[in-house]
Amino acid sequence: MKVQLSEPVVVGGGPKGTRMVIDVPSAELRGERINAELATGDAADWATVNEEMKLAALDVRLTLKTDDGAFIYVEYSGRMDMETGLLAVAPTFETGAPQYSWLNRVQAVAAGAIDPESGMLIYTIYEARPVHD
């Protein structure tokens, strides 16, 4: 998944840390079973950065539209190391589209980083599956 981020709006310090709102003007998800792009203009990350400005808690929500017209709501939380720019998140998905109903059962995990050339946040997403004996 590739995500373009806007400049953060720094709300300021509060009881949980420094709150920032970072708009997501574009996003695309490409995989073996899905191809989708950002469907709406209201996607964002409501991040909170700790007092030392070293760790951000992420709270991201967006809606994707697949290449065959289905809508998929995505939300994830996770952590970003502000010194290295590395991220770890846990996305979940919601859809009413029958061809993507399998997503409603997926708990994903993802690792990401900002690509220095494009400025895009690039995630590799994995489907976490239970292990059976």
N, C-alpha and C. Protein backbone atom coordinates (compact mmCIF):
# COMPACT_ATOMS: atom_id res chain seq x y z
N MET A 1 0.85 -1.16 0.00
CA MET A 1 0.00 0.00 0.00
C MET A 1 0.89 1.23 0.00
N LYS A 2 0.57 2.19 -0.85
CA LYS A 2 1.28 3.46 -0.92
C LYS A 2 0.33 4.57 -0.47
N VAL A 3 0.82 5.43 0.41
CA VAL A 3 0.01 6.50 0.98
C VAL A 3 0.76 7.82 0.85
N GLN A 4 0.12 8.82 0.27
CA GLN A 4 0.68 10.17 0.22
C GLN A 4 0.19 10.92 1.44
N LEU A 5 1.09 11.62 2.12
CA LEU A 5 0.73 12.36 3.31
C LEU A 5 0.89 13.86 3.06
N SER A 6 -0.01 14.66 3.63
CA SER A 6 0.11 16.11 3.58
C SER A 6 0.96 16.59 4.75
N GLU A 7 1.26 17.87 4.76
CA GLU A 7 1.96 18.44 5.90
C GLU A 7 1.06 18.34 7.13
N PRO A 8 1.62 18.00 8.28
CA PRO A 8 0.77 17.84 9.47
C PRO A 8 0.24 19.18 9.99
N VAL A 9 -0.98 19.13 10.51
CA VAL A 9 -1.54 20.23 11.27
C VAL A 9 -1.26 19.90 12.72
N VAL A 10 -0.43 20.71 13.37
CA VAL A 10 -0.06 20.43 14.76
C VAL A 10 -1.06 21.12 15.67
N VAL A 11 -1.88 20.30 16.33
CA VAL A 11 -2.88 20.81 17.25
C VAL A 11 -2.20 21.31 18.51
N GLY A 12 -1.17 20.61 18.95
CA GLY A 12 -0.40 21.03 20.11
C GLY A 12 -0.42 20.00 21.21
N GLY A 13 0.23 20.37 22.30
CA GLY A 13 0.37 19.47 23.43
C GLY A 13 -0.92 19.33 24.20
N GLY A 14 -1.18 18.15 24.63
CA GLY A 14 -2.37 17.85 25.44
C GLY A 14 -2.01 16.79 26.44
N PRO A 15 -3.00 16.25 27.13
CA PRO A 15 -2.71 15.26 28.17
C PRO A 15 -2.10 13.96 27.65
N LYS A 16 -2.29 13.66 26.36
CA LYS A 16 -1.74 12.42 25.80
C LYS A 16 -0.47 12.67 25.00
N GLY A 17 -0.10 13.93 24.79
CA GLY A 17 1.08 14.27 23.98
C GLY A 17 0.71 15.30 22.94
N THR A 18 1.56 15.46 21.95
CA THR A 18 1.32 16.42 20.88
C THR A 18 0.45 15.79 19.81
N ARG A 19 -0.71 16.37 19.60
CA ARG A 19 -1.67 15.84 18.62
C ARG A 19 -1.40 16.48 17.26
N MET A 20 -1.39 15.64 16.22
CA MET A 20 -1.24 16.09 14.84
C MET A 20 -2.32 15.45 13.99
N VAL A 21 -2.81 16.19 13.01
CA VAL A 21 -3.74 15.65 12.03
C VAL A 21 -3.05 15.74 10.68
N ILE A 22 -2.92 14.59 10.01
CA ILE A 22 -2.19 14.51 8.75
C ILE A 22 -3.14 13.97 7.69
N ASP A 23 -3.54 14.84 6.77
CA ASP A 23 -4.44 14.41 5.70
C ASP A 23 -3.75 13.42 4.78
N VAL A 24 -4.56 12.53 4.19
CA VAL A 24 -4.10 11.55 3.21
C VAL A 24 -4.78 11.90 1.88
N PRO A 25 -4.09 12.63 0.98
CA PRO A 25 -4.71 13.01 -0.29
C PRO A 25 -4.81 11.88 -1.31
N SER A 26 -3.96 10.86 -1.17
CA SER A 26 -4.04 9.72 -2.09
C SER A 26 -3.50 8.47 -1.41
N ALA A 27 -4.06 7.34 -1.85
CA ALA A 27 -3.61 6.04 -1.34
C ALA A 27 -3.96 4.99 -2.39
N GLU A 28 -3.12 3.99 -2.49
CA GLU A 28 -3.43 2.86 -3.38
C GLU A 28 -2.98 1.57 -2.73
N LEU A 29 -3.81 0.56 -2.93
CA LEU A 29 -3.55 -0.77 -2.39
C LEU A 29 -3.49 -1.73 -3.57
N ARG A 30 -2.38 -2.41 -3.73
CA ARG A 30 -2.20 -3.36 -4.83
C ARG A 30 -1.78 -4.70 -4.26
N GLY A 31 -2.44 -5.75 -4.75
CA GLY A 31 -2.10 -7.08 -4.28
C GLY A 31 -2.61 -8.13 -5.23
N GLU A 32 -2.42 -9.39 -4.85
CA GLU A 32 -2.85 -10.51 -5.68
C GLU A 32 -4.36 -10.57 -5.83
N ARG A 33 -5.11 -10.14 -4.79
CA ARG A 33 -6.57 -10.27 -4.80
C ARG A 33 -7.30 -8.93 -4.79
N ILE A 34 -6.57 -7.83 -4.81
CA ILE A 34 -7.23 -6.53 -4.70
C ILE A 34 -6.39 -5.42 -5.32
N ASN A 35 -7.08 -4.50 -5.99
CA ASN A 35 -6.48 -3.27 -6.49
C ASN A 35 -7.46 -2.16 -6.19
N ALA A 36 -7.01 -1.16 -5.42
CA ALA A 36 -7.93 -0.12 -4.98
C ALA A 36 -7.18 1.20 -4.80
N GLU A 37 -7.95 2.28 -4.84
CA GLU A 37 -7.41 3.63 -4.62
C GLU A 37 -8.31 4.36 -3.65
N LEU A 38 -7.82 5.47 -3.12
CA LEU A 38 -8.60 6.28 -2.19
C LEU A 38 -9.91 6.71 -2.83
N ALA A 39 -11.01 6.53 -2.11
CA ALA A 39 -12.34 6.82 -2.67
C ALA A 39 -12.87 8.18 -2.26
N THR A 40 -12.41 8.70 -1.13
CA THR A 40 -12.97 9.94 -0.61
C THR A 40 -11.86 10.91 -0.25
N GLY A 41 -12.23 12.16 0.01
CA GLY A 41 -11.25 13.17 0.39
C GLY A 41 -11.18 13.41 1.88
N ASP A 42 -11.62 12.45 2.68
CA ASP A 42 -11.64 12.66 4.13
C ASP A 42 -10.79 11.65 4.89
N ALA A 43 -9.72 11.19 4.29
CA ALA A 43 -8.83 10.24 4.95
C ALA A 43 -7.74 11.00 5.71
N ALA A 44 -7.39 10.49 6.89
CA ALA A 44 -6.37 11.17 7.69
C ALA A 44 -5.78 10.24 8.73
N ASP A 45 -4.66 10.71 9.29
CA ASP A 45 -4.02 10.08 10.43
C ASP A 45 -4.11 11.07 11.58
N TRP A 46 -4.74 10.65 12.67
CA TRP A 46 -4.81 11.46 13.87
C TRP A 46 -3.73 10.93 14.80
N ALA A 47 -2.52 11.46 14.67
CA ALA A 47 -1.35 10.95 15.39
C ALA A 47 -1.14 11.70 16.69
N THR A 48 -0.59 10.99 17.67
CA THR A 48 -0.20 11.59 18.94
C THR A 48 1.27 11.24 19.16
N VAL A 49 2.07 12.27 19.40
CA VAL A 49 3.52 12.08 19.56
C VAL A 49 3.87 12.29 21.03
N ASN A 50 4.72 11.40 21.57
CA ASN A 50 5.06 11.48 22.99
C ASN A 50 5.92 12.72 23.28
N GLU A 51 6.13 12.99 24.57
CA GLU A 51 6.82 14.21 24.99
C GLU A 51 8.23 14.32 24.43
N GLU A 52 8.92 13.22 24.26
CA GLU A 52 10.28 13.24 23.74
C GLU A 52 10.33 13.38 22.21
N MET A 53 9.13 13.37 21.57
CA MET A 53 9.00 13.46 20.11
C MET A 53 9.74 12.31 19.42
N LYS A 54 9.75 11.14 20.06
CA LYS A 54 10.43 9.98 19.50
C LYS A 54 9.48 8.89 19.02
N LEU A 55 8.24 8.89 19.52
CA LEU A 55 7.30 7.83 19.19
C LEU A 55 5.93 8.43 18.91
N ALA A 56 5.33 8.03 17.80
CA ALA A 56 3.99 8.48 17.45
C ALA A 56 3.03 7.31 17.51
N ALA A 57 1.87 7.53 18.12
CA ALA A 57 0.77 6.56 18.09
C ALA A 57 -0.13 6.97 16.93
N LEU A 58 -0.38 6.05 16.01
CA LEU A 58 -1.13 6.34 14.79
C LEU A 58 -2.58 5.90 14.92
N ASP A 59 -3.47 6.66 14.31
CA ASP A 59 -4.90 6.36 14.27
C ASP A 59 -5.38 6.79 12.88
N VAL A 60 -5.44 5.85 11.95
CA VAL A 60 -5.67 6.16 10.54
C VAL A 60 -6.99 5.54 10.08
N ARG A 61 -7.75 6.32 9.30
CA ARG A 61 -8.99 5.83 8.70
C ARG A 61 -9.10 6.34 7.28
N LEU A 62 -9.50 5.43 6.37
CA LEU A 62 -9.68 5.81 4.97
C LEU A 62 -10.64 4.85 4.30
N THR A 63 -11.18 5.28 3.16
CA THR A 63 -12.07 4.43 2.38
C THR A 63 -11.47 4.26 1.00
N LEU A 64 -11.38 3.01 0.56
CA LEU A 64 -10.84 2.69 -0.75
C LEU A 64 -11.96 2.29 -1.71
N LYS A 65 -11.70 2.49 -2.99
CA LYS A 65 -12.60 2.02 -4.05
C LYS A 65 -11.79 1.10 -4.95
N THR A 66 -12.28 -0.13 -5.11
CA THR A 66 -11.55 -1.11 -5.93
C THR A 66 -11.73 -0.81 -7.41
N ASP A 67 -10.90 -1.46 -8.23
CA ASP A 67 -10.98 -1.25 -9.67
C ASP A 67 -12.28 -1.78 -10.27
N ASP A 68 -13.04 -2.60 -9.50
CA ASP A 68 -14.35 -3.05 -9.98
C ASP A 68 -15.51 -2.36 -9.24
N GLY A 69 -15.21 -1.26 -8.54
CA GLY A 69 -16.26 -0.41 -7.99
C GLY A 69 -16.72 -0.67 -6.57
N ALA A 70 -16.08 -1.57 -5.85
CA ALA A 70 -16.47 -1.86 -4.46
C ALA A 70 -15.78 -0.88 -3.51
N PHE A 71 -16.46 -0.60 -2.39
CA PHE A 71 -15.88 0.28 -1.37
C PHE A 71 -15.42 -0.55 -0.17
N ILE A 72 -14.26 -0.17 0.37
CA ILE A 72 -13.67 -0.87 1.51
C ILE A 72 -13.20 0.17 2.51
N TYR A 73 -13.73 0.08 3.73
CA TYR A 73 -13.31 0.95 4.82
C TYR A 73 -12.10 0.31 5.48
N VAL A 74 -11.05 1.12 5.71
CA VAL A 74 -9.82 0.63 6.32
C VAL A 74 -9.52 1.50 7.54
N GLU A 75 -9.20 0.84 8.63
CA GLU A 75 -8.71 1.60 9.78
C GLU A 75 -7.56 0.83 10.40
N TYR A 76 -6.60 1.61 10.90
CA TYR A 76 -5.49 0.96 11.57
C TYR A 76 -4.85 1.89 12.59
N SER A 77 -4.26 1.23 13.57
CA SER A 77 -3.47 1.93 14.57
C SER A 77 -2.10 1.27 14.58
N GLY A 78 -1.18 1.93 15.20
CA GLY A 78 0.17 1.38 15.25
C GLY A 78 1.13 2.41 15.82
N ARG A 79 2.39 2.20 15.56
CA ARG A 79 3.45 3.04 16.10
C ARG A 79 4.42 3.45 14.99
N MET A 80 4.95 4.67 15.14
CA MET A 80 6.00 5.16 14.25
C MET A 80 7.17 5.63 15.10
N ASP A 81 8.35 5.12 14.79
CA ASP A 81 9.58 5.57 15.41
C ASP A 81 9.96 6.87 14.70
N MET A 82 9.87 7.99 15.38
CA MET A 82 10.10 9.30 14.76
C MET A 82 11.56 9.51 14.36
N GLU A 83 12.47 8.77 14.97
CA GLU A 83 13.89 8.91 14.64
C GLU A 83 14.25 8.15 13.36
N THR A 84 13.67 6.97 13.19
CA THR A 84 14.01 6.16 12.01
C THR A 84 12.98 6.28 10.89
N GLY A 85 11.76 6.71 11.24
CA GLY A 85 10.69 6.79 10.24
C GLY A 85 10.04 5.45 9.95
N LEU A 86 10.38 4.43 10.71
CA LEU A 86 9.79 3.10 10.50
C LEU A 86 8.45 3.00 11.24
N LEU A 87 7.50 2.28 10.62
CA LEU A 87 6.16 2.14 11.17
C LEU A 87 5.76 0.68 11.26
N ALA A 88 4.92 0.37 12.24
CA ALA A 88 4.28 -0.94 12.35
C ALA A 88 2.82 -0.68 12.69
N VAL A 89 1.90 -1.27 11.90
CA VAL A 89 0.47 -1.03 12.08
C VAL A 89 -0.31 -2.34 11.95
N ALA A 90 -1.59 -2.28 12.34
CA ALA A 90 -2.46 -3.46 12.29
C ALA A 90 -3.80 -3.08 11.63
N PRO A 91 -3.88 -3.13 10.30
CA PRO A 91 -5.12 -2.75 9.61
C PRO A 91 -6.23 -3.79 9.73
N THR A 92 -7.47 -3.27 9.76
CA THR A 92 -8.67 -4.09 9.59
C THR A 92 -9.49 -3.48 8.48
N PHE A 93 -10.38 -4.29 7.91
CA PHE A 93 -11.15 -3.89 6.73
C PHE A 93 -12.63 -4.20 6.95
N GLU A 94 -13.48 -3.37 6.31
CA GLU A 94 -14.92 -3.61 6.34
C GLU A 94 -15.48 -3.34 4.95
N THR A 95 -16.30 -4.26 4.46
CA THR A 95 -16.95 -4.06 3.17
C THR A 95 -18.25 -4.86 3.11
N GLY A 96 -19.17 -4.38 2.30
CA GLY A 96 -20.40 -5.12 2.03
C GLY A 96 -20.36 -5.79 0.68
N ALA A 97 -19.25 -5.63 -0.06
CA ALA A 97 -19.12 -6.22 -1.39
C ALA A 97 -18.86 -7.72 -1.28
N PRO A 98 -19.73 -8.54 -1.88
CA PRO A 98 -19.57 -10.00 -1.74
C PRO A 98 -18.21 -10.52 -2.21
N GLN A 99 -17.68 -9.95 -3.28
CA GLN A 99 -16.40 -10.44 -3.82
C GLN A 99 -15.21 -10.13 -2.91
N TYR A 100 -15.41 -9.23 -1.94
CA TYR A 100 -14.34 -8.90 -1.00
C TYR A 100 -14.71 -9.23 0.45
N SER A 101 -15.74 -10.05 0.64
CA SER A 101 -16.19 -10.37 2.00
C SER A 101 -15.09 -11.04 2.82
N TRP A 102 -14.15 -11.69 2.16
CA TRP A 102 -13.02 -12.31 2.86
C TRP A 102 -12.24 -11.28 3.67
N LEU A 103 -12.24 -10.01 3.24
CA LEU A 103 -11.51 -8.96 3.96
C LEU A 103 -12.10 -8.71 5.35
N ASN A 104 -13.40 -8.95 5.51
CA ASN A 104 -14.04 -8.72 6.81
C ASN A 104 -13.49 -9.64 7.89
N ARG A 105 -12.83 -10.72 7.51
CA ARG A 105 -12.27 -11.67 8.46
C ARG A 105 -10.76 -11.51 8.64
N VAL A 106 -10.16 -10.58 7.92
CA VAL A 106 -8.70 -10.44 7.94
C VAL A 106 -8.25 -9.52 9.06
N GLN A 107 -7.26 -9.98 9.81
CA GLN A 107 -6.47 -9.10 10.67
C GLN A 107 -5.11 -9.02 9.99
N ALA A 108 -4.77 -7.84 9.56
CA ALA A 108 -3.50 -7.66 8.86
C ALA A 108 -2.48 -7.02 9.80
N VAL A 109 -1.23 -7.21 9.46
CA VAL A 109 -0.12 -6.49 10.09
C VAL A 109 0.70 -5.91 8.95
N ALA A 110 1.31 -4.76 9.19
CA ALA A 110 2.05 -4.11 8.13
C ALA A 110 3.26 -3.39 8.70
N ALA A 111 4.31 -3.34 7.90
CA ALA A 111 5.51 -2.58 8.22
C ALA A 111 5.70 -1.56 7.12
N GLY A 112 6.16 -0.37 7.48
CA GLY A 112 6.30 0.65 6.46
C GLY A 112 7.37 1.66 6.79
N ALA A 113 7.62 2.51 5.79
CA ALA A 113 8.59 3.60 5.92
C ALA A 113 8.31 4.62 4.82
N ILE A 114 8.80 5.83 5.01
CA ILE A 114 8.69 6.87 4.00
C ILE A 114 9.77 6.63 2.95
N ASP A 115 9.36 6.57 1.68
CA ASP A 115 10.31 6.44 0.58
C ASP A 115 10.95 7.81 0.35
N PRO A 116 12.28 7.93 0.49
CA PRO A 116 12.92 9.25 0.38
C PRO A 116 12.80 9.87 -1.02
N GLU A 117 12.67 9.06 -2.05
CA GLU A 117 12.58 9.60 -3.41
C GLU A 117 11.20 10.16 -3.72
N SER A 118 10.15 9.42 -3.38
CA SER A 118 8.79 9.84 -3.73
C SER A 118 8.08 10.59 -2.61
N GLY A 119 8.56 10.44 -1.37
CA GLY A 119 7.87 11.01 -0.22
C GLY A 119 6.64 10.22 0.18
N MET A 120 6.38 9.11 -0.50
CA MET A 120 5.22 8.26 -0.20
C MET A 120 5.54 7.37 0.99
N LEU A 121 4.52 7.12 1.79
CA LEU A 121 4.60 6.12 2.85
C LEU A 121 4.26 4.79 2.21
N ILE A 122 5.19 3.85 2.26
CA ILE A 122 5.00 2.56 1.61
C ILE A 122 4.96 1.46 2.67
N TYR A 123 3.84 0.72 2.66
CA TYR A 123 3.64 -0.40 3.58
C TYR A 123 3.70 -1.72 2.83
N THR A 124 4.21 -2.72 3.49
CA THR A 124 4.02 -4.10 3.07
C THR A 124 3.03 -4.70 4.06
N ILE A 125 1.92 -5.22 3.52
CA ILE A 125 0.85 -5.71 4.38
C ILE A 125 0.81 -7.23 4.32
N TYR A 126 0.64 -7.83 5.50
CA TYR A 126 0.56 -9.28 5.63
C TYR A 126 -0.76 -9.66 6.28
N GLU A 127 -1.34 -10.75 5.83
CA GLU A 127 -2.54 -11.29 6.46
C GLU A 127 -2.10 -12.23 7.58
N ALA A 128 -2.49 -11.90 8.81
CA ALA A 128 -2.16 -12.77 9.95
C ALA A 128 -3.16 -13.91 9.99
N ARG A 129 -2.66 -15.13 10.06
CA ARG A 129 -3.53 -16.31 10.06
C ARG A 129 -3.24 -17.16 11.27
N PRO A 130 -4.28 -17.76 11.85
CA PRO A 130 -4.05 -18.66 12.97
C PRO A 130 -3.27 -19.90 12.52
N VAL A 131 -2.49 -20.41 13.41
CA VAL A 131 -1.73 -21.63 13.13
C VAL A 131 -2.49 -22.79 13.76
N HIS A 132 -2.72 -23.84 12.96
CA HIS A 132 -3.40 -25.05 13.47
C HIS A 132 -2.41 -26.19 13.50
N ASP A 133 -2.55 -27.04 14.50
CA ASP A 133 -1.68 -28.23 14.61
C ASP A 133 -2.09 -29.27 13.59
